[in-house]
């Protein structure tokens, strides 16, 4: 027999994926902040910790929407790959990859809700906007000083 906890639609599945990815971001950015060493440690650690806090805020928003829809938020965390590469460039490239996956999850949600829910459309669009800004920020950090062209990996 189905219960209220069994409500599982493509939209709630997409939101739970987002929740899990954002929670993975909290863990990932917190770990990265602990692993930064060198002359530029303080501003980089500060930036990474702010990213962890932002991921937690994003996870909270996704969870609130899941419960708003009458579904149960996941207790899982998205993929956490420990590469043991802790050079700032490695950390930023891993961040770029993780954020791209998150961006694609928000885009998938937008496709699911377009034309059906203004609230969820606006949420997805705002999060896509924020993720694209974040990706641009990381891209700029990966460029060599004086380079204007986007980072090519």
N, C-alpha and C. Protein backbone atom coordinates (compact mmCIF):
# COMPACT_ATOMS: atom_id res chain seq x y z
N UNK A 1 0.84 -1.16 0.00
CA UNK A 1 0.00 0.00 0.00
C UNK A 1 0.90 1.25 0.00
N UNK A 2 0.58 2.20 -0.85
CA UNK A 2 1.36 3.43 -0.94
C UNK A 2 1.04 4.35 0.24
N UNK A 3 2.07 5.03 0.70
CA UNK A 3 1.89 6.02 1.75
C UNK A 3 2.31 7.36 1.20
N UNK A 4 2.11 8.42 1.99
CA UNK A 4 2.54 9.75 1.56
C UNK A 4 4.03 9.79 1.29
N UNK A 5 4.79 8.93 1.95
CA UNK A 5 6.23 8.91 1.77
C UNK A 5 6.64 8.32 0.42
N UNK A 6 5.71 7.65 -0.26
CA UNK A 6 6.03 6.99 -1.52
C UNK A 6 5.82 7.89 -2.74
N UNK A 7 5.40 9.14 -2.53
CA UNK A 7 5.16 10.05 -3.65
C UNK A 7 6.46 10.21 -4.42
N UNK A 8 6.47 9.70 -5.64
CA UNK A 8 7.68 9.77 -6.45
C UNK A 8 7.29 10.05 -7.89
N UNK A 9 7.52 11.25 -8.30
CA UNK A 9 7.23 11.67 -9.66
C UNK A 9 8.55 12.05 -10.32
N UNK A 10 8.57 12.23 -11.62
CA UNK A 10 9.80 12.70 -12.26
C UNK A 10 10.31 14.02 -11.65
N UNK A 11 9.39 14.88 -11.26
CA UNK A 11 9.80 16.17 -10.67
C UNK A 11 10.45 15.96 -9.31
N UNK A 12 9.84 15.15 -8.46
CA UNK A 12 10.45 14.93 -7.13
C UNK A 12 11.74 14.13 -7.26
N UNK A 13 11.82 13.24 -8.24
CA UNK A 13 13.09 12.53 -8.47
C UNK A 13 14.17 13.52 -8.89
N UNK A 14 13.82 14.46 -9.77
CA UNK A 14 14.78 15.47 -10.21
C UNK A 14 15.21 16.35 -9.05
N UNK A 15 14.26 16.73 -8.21
CA UNK A 15 14.60 17.56 -7.04
C UNK A 15 15.47 16.78 -6.05
N UNK A 16 15.20 15.49 -5.87
CA UNK A 16 16.04 14.69 -4.98
C UNK A 16 17.45 14.54 -5.54
N UNK A 17 17.58 14.42 -6.85
CA UNK A 17 18.91 14.39 -7.47
C UNK A 17 19.64 15.69 -7.17
N UNK A 18 18.95 16.80 -7.31
CA UNK A 18 19.54 18.12 -7.01
C UNK A 18 19.94 18.19 -5.55
N UNK A 19 19.05 17.76 -4.66
CA UNK A 19 19.34 17.75 -3.22
C UNK A 19 20.62 16.96 -2.95
N UNK A 20 20.71 15.78 -3.53
CA UNK A 20 21.89 14.92 -3.31
C UNK A 20 23.16 15.56 -3.88
N UNK A 21 23.07 16.17 -5.05
CA UNK A 21 24.25 16.82 -5.64
C UNK A 21 24.70 18.01 -4.79
N UNK A 22 23.74 18.78 -4.30
CA UNK A 22 24.10 19.94 -3.48
C UNK A 22 24.69 19.51 -2.14
N UNK A 23 24.17 18.43 -1.56
CA UNK A 23 24.77 17.93 -0.31
C UNK A 23 26.18 17.42 -0.57
N UNK A 24 26.40 16.80 -1.71
CA UNK A 24 27.75 16.37 -2.08
C UNK A 24 28.65 17.60 -2.22
N UNK A 25 28.09 18.69 -2.72
CA UNK A 25 28.86 19.93 -2.82
C UNK A 25 29.31 20.44 -1.46
N UNK A 26 28.43 20.32 -0.46
CA UNK A 26 28.80 20.74 0.90
C UNK A 26 30.02 19.95 1.36
N UNK A 27 29.96 18.64 1.20
CA UNK A 27 31.06 17.78 1.64
C UNK A 27 32.32 18.07 0.82
N UNK A 28 32.15 18.16 -0.48
CA UNK A 28 33.28 18.39 -1.39
C UNK A 28 34.00 19.70 -1.07
N UNK A 29 33.25 20.79 -0.97
CA UNK A 29 33.88 22.09 -0.72
C UNK A 29 34.49 22.18 0.67
N UNK A 30 33.84 21.54 1.64
CA UNK A 30 34.42 21.51 2.99
C UNK A 30 35.74 20.76 2.98
N UNK A 31 35.76 19.62 2.29
CA UNK A 31 37.00 18.84 2.18
C UNK A 31 38.08 19.65 1.47
N UNK A 32 37.73 20.26 0.36
CA UNK A 32 38.71 21.06 -0.38
C UNK A 32 39.30 22.15 0.51
N UNK A 33 38.45 22.81 1.28
CA UNK A 33 38.92 23.90 2.15
C UNK A 33 39.95 23.39 3.16
N UNK A 34 39.77 22.17 3.61
CA UNK A 34 40.72 21.59 4.57
C UNK A 34 42.05 21.23 3.93
N UNK A 35 42.05 21.04 2.62
CA UNK A 35 43.23 20.54 1.93
C UNK A 35 44.05 21.60 1.20
N UNK A 36 43.71 22.87 1.39
CA UNK A 36 44.45 23.94 0.71
C UNK A 36 45.62 24.38 1.57
N UNK A 37 46.78 24.43 0.93
CA UNK A 37 48.00 24.88 1.61
C UNK A 37 48.71 25.89 0.71
N UNK A 38 49.58 26.67 1.29
CA UNK A 38 50.38 27.60 0.50
C UNK A 38 50.04 29.04 0.80
N UNK A 39 50.70 29.92 0.07
CA UNK A 39 50.61 31.36 0.31
C UNK A 39 49.21 31.93 0.16
N UNK A 40 48.44 31.40 -0.75
CA UNK A 40 47.10 31.94 -1.01
C UNK A 40 46.00 31.19 -0.27
N UNK A 41 46.37 30.46 0.79
CA UNK A 41 45.42 29.61 1.49
C UNK A 41 44.20 30.36 2.01
N UNK A 42 44.41 31.48 2.67
CA UNK A 42 43.30 32.15 3.37
C UNK A 42 42.18 32.57 2.41
N UNK A 43 42.46 33.29 1.32
CA UNK A 43 41.33 33.67 0.46
C UNK A 43 40.69 32.46 -0.25
N UNK A 44 41.47 31.47 -0.58
CA UNK A 44 40.92 30.29 -1.26
C UNK A 44 40.05 29.49 -0.31
N UNK A 45 40.51 29.29 0.92
CA UNK A 45 39.72 28.57 1.92
C UNK A 45 38.42 29.32 2.18
N UNK A 46 38.50 30.63 2.28
CA UNK A 46 37.30 31.43 2.51
C UNK A 46 36.30 31.24 1.37
N UNK A 47 36.79 31.26 0.13
CA UNK A 47 35.92 31.08 -1.03
C UNK A 47 35.30 29.67 -1.02
N UNK A 48 36.12 28.65 -0.73
CA UNK A 48 35.61 27.28 -0.70
C UNK A 48 34.55 27.10 0.39
N UNK A 49 34.77 27.68 1.54
CA UNK A 49 33.78 27.58 2.62
C UNK A 49 32.49 28.29 2.25
N UNK A 50 32.60 29.40 1.53
CA UNK A 50 31.38 30.09 1.09
C UNK A 50 30.64 29.23 0.07
N UNK A 51 31.37 28.46 -0.75
CA UNK A 51 30.73 27.55 -1.70
C UNK A 51 30.02 26.42 -0.97
N UNK A 52 30.63 25.92 0.11
CA UNK A 52 29.99 24.87 0.91
C UNK A 52 28.69 25.40 1.52
N UNK A 53 28.72 26.62 2.03
CA UNK A 53 27.52 27.22 2.63
C UNK A 53 26.44 27.43 1.56
N UNK A 54 26.85 27.86 0.38
CA UNK A 54 25.90 28.06 -0.71
C UNK A 54 25.28 26.73 -1.13
N UNK A 55 26.07 25.68 -1.19
CA UNK A 55 25.54 24.36 -1.54
C UNK A 55 24.51 23.90 -0.51
N UNK A 56 24.77 24.17 0.76
CA UNK A 56 23.82 23.81 1.81
C UNK A 56 22.51 24.58 1.64
N UNK A 57 22.60 25.86 1.31
CA UNK A 57 21.41 26.66 1.06
C UNK A 57 20.63 26.10 -0.12
N UNK A 58 21.35 25.71 -1.18
CA UNK A 58 20.70 25.14 -2.36
C UNK A 58 20.04 23.80 -2.02
N UNK A 59 20.70 22.99 -1.21
CA UNK A 59 20.13 21.70 -0.80
C UNK A 59 18.86 21.94 0.01
N UNK A 60 18.90 22.91 0.89
CA UNK A 60 17.74 23.24 1.71
C UNK A 60 16.56 23.66 0.84
N UNK A 61 16.82 24.49 -0.16
CA UNK A 61 15.74 24.92 -1.07
C UNK A 61 15.12 23.72 -1.79
N UNK A 62 15.97 22.83 -2.29
CA UNK A 62 15.46 21.65 -2.99
C UNK A 62 14.62 20.79 -2.05
N UNK A 63 15.11 20.59 -0.83
CA UNK A 63 14.38 19.80 0.16
C UNK A 63 13.04 20.42 0.52
N UNK A 64 13.01 21.72 0.65
CA UNK A 64 11.74 22.41 0.96
C UNK A 64 10.74 22.23 -0.17
N UNK A 65 11.22 22.28 -1.41
CA UNK A 65 10.31 22.08 -2.54
C UNK A 65 9.80 20.64 -2.59
N UNK A 66 10.65 19.70 -2.26
CA UNK A 66 10.24 18.29 -2.23
C UNK A 66 9.11 18.10 -1.23
N UNK A 67 9.27 18.65 -0.03
CA UNK A 67 8.22 18.50 0.98
C UNK A 67 6.99 19.33 0.61
N UNK A 68 7.19 20.45 -0.06
CA UNK A 68 6.06 21.26 -0.55
C UNK A 68 5.19 20.42 -1.49
N UNK A 69 5.84 19.57 -2.27
CA UNK A 69 5.12 18.72 -3.22
C UNK A 69 4.58 17.44 -2.57
N UNK A 70 4.79 17.30 -1.28
CA UNK A 70 4.26 16.14 -0.57
C UNK A 70 5.11 14.90 -0.66
N UNK A 71 6.36 15.09 -1.00
CA UNK A 71 7.26 13.94 -1.14
C UNK A 71 8.31 13.95 -0.02
N UNK A 72 9.13 12.93 -0.03
CA UNK A 72 10.13 12.72 1.03
C UNK A 72 11.52 13.04 0.50
N UNK A 73 12.24 13.96 1.16
CA UNK A 73 13.60 14.29 0.71
C UNK A 73 14.56 13.12 0.93
N UNK A 74 15.44 12.94 0.00
CA UNK A 74 16.43 11.87 0.06
C UNK A 74 17.40 12.09 1.22
N UNK A 75 17.86 11.01 1.79
CA UNK A 75 18.93 11.06 2.79
C UNK A 75 20.28 10.72 2.17
N UNK A 76 20.29 10.52 0.87
CA UNK A 76 21.53 10.17 0.18
C UNK A 76 22.32 11.42 -0.17
N UNK A 77 23.58 11.19 -0.47
CA UNK A 77 24.47 12.25 -0.92
C UNK A 77 24.97 11.85 -2.29
N UNK A 78 25.07 12.82 -3.19
CA UNK A 78 25.55 12.54 -4.54
C UNK A 78 26.96 11.98 -4.52
N UNK A 79 27.47 11.65 -5.69
CA UNK A 79 28.79 11.02 -5.80
C UNK A 79 29.90 11.88 -5.20
N UNK A 80 30.77 11.22 -4.46
CA UNK A 80 31.94 11.87 -3.87
C UNK A 80 33.17 11.10 -4.29
N UNK A 81 33.87 11.63 -5.25
CA UNK A 81 35.07 10.98 -5.75
C UNK A 81 36.28 11.63 -5.09
N UNK A 82 37.05 10.86 -4.38
CA UNK A 82 38.28 11.36 -3.77
C UNK A 82 39.43 11.05 -4.70
N UNK A 83 39.94 12.08 -5.34
CA UNK A 83 41.03 11.88 -6.30
C UNK A 83 42.39 11.99 -5.64
N UNK A 84 42.43 12.55 -4.44
CA UNK A 84 43.67 12.82 -3.72
C UNK A 84 44.54 13.84 -4.48
N UNK A 85 43.94 14.58 -5.39
CA UNK A 85 44.62 15.68 -6.08
C UNK A 85 44.18 16.97 -5.40
N UNK A 86 45.10 17.59 -4.68
CA UNK A 86 44.72 18.74 -3.89
C UNK A 86 45.44 20.02 -4.31
N UNK A 87 46.02 20.00 -5.49
CA UNK A 87 46.53 21.23 -6.06
C UNK A 87 45.32 22.12 -6.36
N UNK A 88 45.47 23.42 -6.22
CA UNK A 88 44.34 24.33 -6.42
C UNK A 88 43.73 24.13 -7.81
N UNK A 89 44.58 23.97 -8.82
CA UNK A 89 44.08 23.73 -10.17
C UNK A 89 43.24 22.47 -10.25
N UNK A 90 43.69 21.40 -9.60
CA UNK A 90 42.93 20.14 -9.58
C UNK A 90 41.59 20.33 -8.89
N UNK A 91 41.61 21.03 -7.76
CA UNK A 91 40.39 21.29 -7.01
C UNK A 91 39.40 22.07 -7.87
N UNK A 92 39.89 23.09 -8.55
CA UNK A 92 39.01 23.91 -9.37
C UNK A 92 38.47 23.13 -10.57
N UNK A 93 39.28 22.29 -11.17
CA UNK A 93 38.80 21.47 -12.29
C UNK A 93 37.74 20.47 -11.81
N UNK A 94 37.95 19.88 -10.64
CA UNK A 94 36.94 18.98 -10.08
C UNK A 94 35.66 19.75 -9.77
N UNK A 95 35.81 20.96 -9.25
CA UNK A 95 34.66 21.81 -8.96
C UNK A 95 33.90 22.13 -10.24
N UNK A 96 34.62 22.43 -11.30
CA UNK A 96 34.01 22.73 -12.59
C UNK A 96 33.19 21.53 -13.07
N UNK A 97 33.74 20.35 -12.94
CA UNK A 97 33.02 19.14 -13.37
C UNK A 97 31.77 18.92 -12.51
N UNK A 98 31.90 19.06 -11.20
CA UNK A 98 30.77 18.87 -10.29
C UNK A 98 29.67 19.89 -10.57
N UNK A 99 30.06 21.14 -10.74
CA UNK A 99 29.08 22.20 -10.98
C UNK A 99 28.39 22.03 -12.32
N UNK A 100 29.08 21.47 -13.30
CA UNK A 100 28.47 21.21 -14.60
C UNK A 100 27.38 20.15 -14.46
N UNK A 101 27.64 19.12 -13.67
CA UNK A 101 26.63 18.09 -13.41
C UNK A 101 25.42 18.72 -12.70
N UNK A 102 25.68 19.58 -11.73
CA UNK A 102 24.58 20.26 -11.02
C UNK A 102 23.79 21.14 -11.97
N UNK A 103 24.47 21.90 -12.80
CA UNK A 103 23.79 22.76 -13.78
C UNK A 103 22.88 21.92 -14.67
N UNK A 104 23.37 20.79 -15.14
CA UNK A 104 22.57 19.93 -16.00
C UNK A 104 21.35 19.36 -15.26
N UNK A 105 21.48 19.13 -13.96
CA UNK A 105 20.35 18.64 -13.16
C UNK A 105 19.26 19.72 -13.08
N UNK A 106 19.68 20.97 -12.90
CA UNK A 106 18.70 22.07 -12.87
C UNK A 106 18.05 22.26 -14.24
N UNK A 107 18.82 22.10 -15.30
CA UNK A 107 18.25 22.21 -16.66
C UNK A 107 17.25 21.09 -16.91
N UNK A 108 17.54 19.90 -16.43
CA UNK A 108 16.61 18.77 -16.58
C UNK A 108 15.31 19.06 -15.83
N UNK A 109 15.43 19.63 -14.63
CA UNK A 109 14.24 20.00 -13.87
C UNK A 109 13.42 21.02 -14.64
N UNK A 110 14.07 22.02 -15.20
CA UNK A 110 13.36 23.05 -15.95
C UNK A 110 12.57 22.43 -17.11
N UNK A 111 13.17 21.51 -17.81
CA UNK A 111 12.47 20.84 -18.92
C UNK A 111 11.23 20.10 -18.42
N UNK A 112 11.33 19.51 -17.23
CA UNK A 112 10.19 18.76 -16.68
C UNK A 112 9.03 19.67 -16.29
N UNK A 113 9.33 20.87 -15.80
CA UNK A 113 8.28 21.71 -15.21
C UNK A 113 7.81 22.85 -16.12
N UNK A 114 8.51 23.07 -17.22
CA UNK A 114 8.14 24.18 -18.11
C UNK A 114 6.68 24.08 -18.52
N UNK A 115 5.97 25.18 -18.31
CA UNK A 115 4.56 25.23 -18.68
C UNK A 115 3.62 24.62 -17.66
N UNK A 116 4.15 23.98 -16.63
CA UNK A 116 3.30 23.34 -15.62
C UNK A 116 3.30 24.04 -14.27
N UNK A 117 4.43 24.63 -13.90
CA UNK A 117 4.54 25.25 -12.58
C UNK A 117 5.45 26.47 -12.66
N UNK A 118 4.86 27.63 -12.50
CA UNK A 118 5.65 28.87 -12.51
C UNK A 118 6.65 28.86 -11.36
N UNK A 119 6.20 28.39 -10.19
CA UNK A 119 7.09 28.35 -9.02
C UNK A 119 8.34 27.52 -9.32
N UNK A 120 8.16 26.32 -9.84
CA UNK A 120 9.30 25.45 -10.10
C UNK A 120 10.12 25.94 -11.29
N UNK A 121 9.46 26.55 -12.28
CA UNK A 121 10.20 27.13 -13.40
C UNK A 121 11.11 28.24 -12.90
N UNK A 122 10.56 29.13 -12.09
CA UNK A 122 11.35 30.26 -11.57
C UNK A 122 12.49 29.76 -10.69
N UNK A 123 12.22 28.76 -9.87
CA UNK A 123 13.27 28.16 -9.04
C UNK A 123 14.38 27.60 -9.93
N UNK A 124 14.01 26.80 -10.93
CA UNK A 124 15.01 26.18 -11.81
C UNK A 124 15.80 27.26 -12.55
N UNK A 125 15.12 28.26 -13.06
CA UNK A 125 15.82 29.34 -13.80
C UNK A 125 16.79 30.09 -12.89
N UNK A 126 16.37 30.38 -11.67
CA UNK A 126 17.25 31.10 -10.74
C UNK A 126 18.47 30.26 -10.41
N UNK A 127 18.27 28.96 -10.21
CA UNK A 127 19.39 28.11 -9.87
C UNK A 127 20.33 27.92 -11.07
N UNK A 128 19.77 27.85 -12.27
CA UNK A 128 20.59 27.78 -13.48
C UNK A 128 21.43 29.05 -13.58
N UNK A 129 20.80 30.17 -13.35
CA UNK A 129 21.51 31.46 -13.36
C UNK A 129 22.68 31.44 -12.36
N UNK A 130 22.41 31.01 -11.13
CA UNK A 130 23.46 30.98 -10.11
C UNK A 130 24.57 29.99 -10.47
N UNK A 131 24.20 28.82 -10.98
CA UNK A 131 25.21 27.82 -11.35
C UNK A 131 26.06 28.32 -12.52
N UNK A 132 25.44 28.99 -13.49
CA UNK A 132 26.20 29.52 -14.62
C UNK A 132 27.18 30.60 -14.15
N UNK A 133 26.73 31.46 -13.23
CA UNK A 133 27.65 32.46 -12.66
C UNK A 133 28.81 31.79 -11.95
N UNK A 134 28.50 30.75 -11.18
CA UNK A 134 29.54 30.04 -10.44
C UNK A 134 30.53 29.38 -11.39
N UNK A 135 30.01 28.74 -12.44
CA UNK A 135 30.89 28.11 -13.43
C UNK A 135 31.79 29.15 -14.08
N UNK A 136 31.24 30.32 -14.36
CA UNK A 136 32.05 31.39 -14.94
C UNK A 136 33.15 31.85 -13.99
N UNK A 137 32.82 31.89 -12.71
CA UNK A 137 33.79 32.29 -11.69
C UNK A 137 34.95 31.28 -11.63
N UNK A 138 34.60 30.00 -11.62
CA UNK A 138 35.63 28.96 -11.57
C UNK A 138 36.45 28.98 -12.85
N UNK A 139 35.78 29.17 -13.98
CA UNK A 139 36.48 29.26 -15.26
C UNK A 139 37.52 30.38 -15.22
N UNK A 140 37.14 31.53 -14.71
CA UNK A 140 38.08 32.66 -14.62
C UNK A 140 39.25 32.34 -13.69
N UNK A 141 38.98 31.61 -12.62
CA UNK A 141 40.04 31.25 -11.68
C UNK A 141 41.03 30.28 -12.31
N UNK A 142 40.57 29.47 -13.27
CA UNK A 142 41.45 28.51 -13.92
C UNK A 142 42.29 29.12 -15.04
N UNK A 143 41.95 30.32 -15.47
CA UNK A 143 42.72 30.97 -16.53
C UNK A 143 44.03 31.49 -15.99
N UNK A 144 45.02 31.52 -16.84
CA UNK A 144 46.30 32.11 -16.47
C UNK A 144 46.11 33.63 -16.41
N UNK A 145 46.81 34.31 -15.49
CA UNK A 145 46.70 35.76 -15.43
C UNK A 145 46.92 36.39 -16.81
N UNK A 146 46.03 37.27 -17.15
CA UNK A 146 46.11 37.98 -18.42
C UNK A 146 45.36 37.31 -19.56
N UNK A 147 44.95 36.06 -19.37
CA UNK A 147 44.18 35.36 -20.41
C UNK A 147 42.71 35.78 -20.34
N UNK A 148 42.15 36.08 -21.50
CA UNK A 148 40.74 36.46 -21.55
C UNK A 148 39.88 35.30 -22.02
N UNK A 149 40.42 34.46 -22.89
CA UNK A 149 39.66 33.33 -23.45
C UNK A 149 39.24 32.36 -22.34
N UNK A 150 38.09 31.74 -22.54
CA UNK A 150 37.61 30.75 -21.58
C UNK A 150 38.62 29.63 -21.39
N UNK A 151 38.60 29.04 -20.20
CA UNK A 151 39.50 27.93 -19.86
C UNK A 151 39.19 26.74 -20.77
N UNK A 152 40.24 26.11 -21.26
CA UNK A 152 40.06 25.00 -22.20
C UNK A 152 40.35 23.63 -21.60
N UNK A 153 40.65 23.56 -20.32
CA UNK A 153 40.88 22.26 -19.68
C UNK A 153 42.17 21.74 -20.05
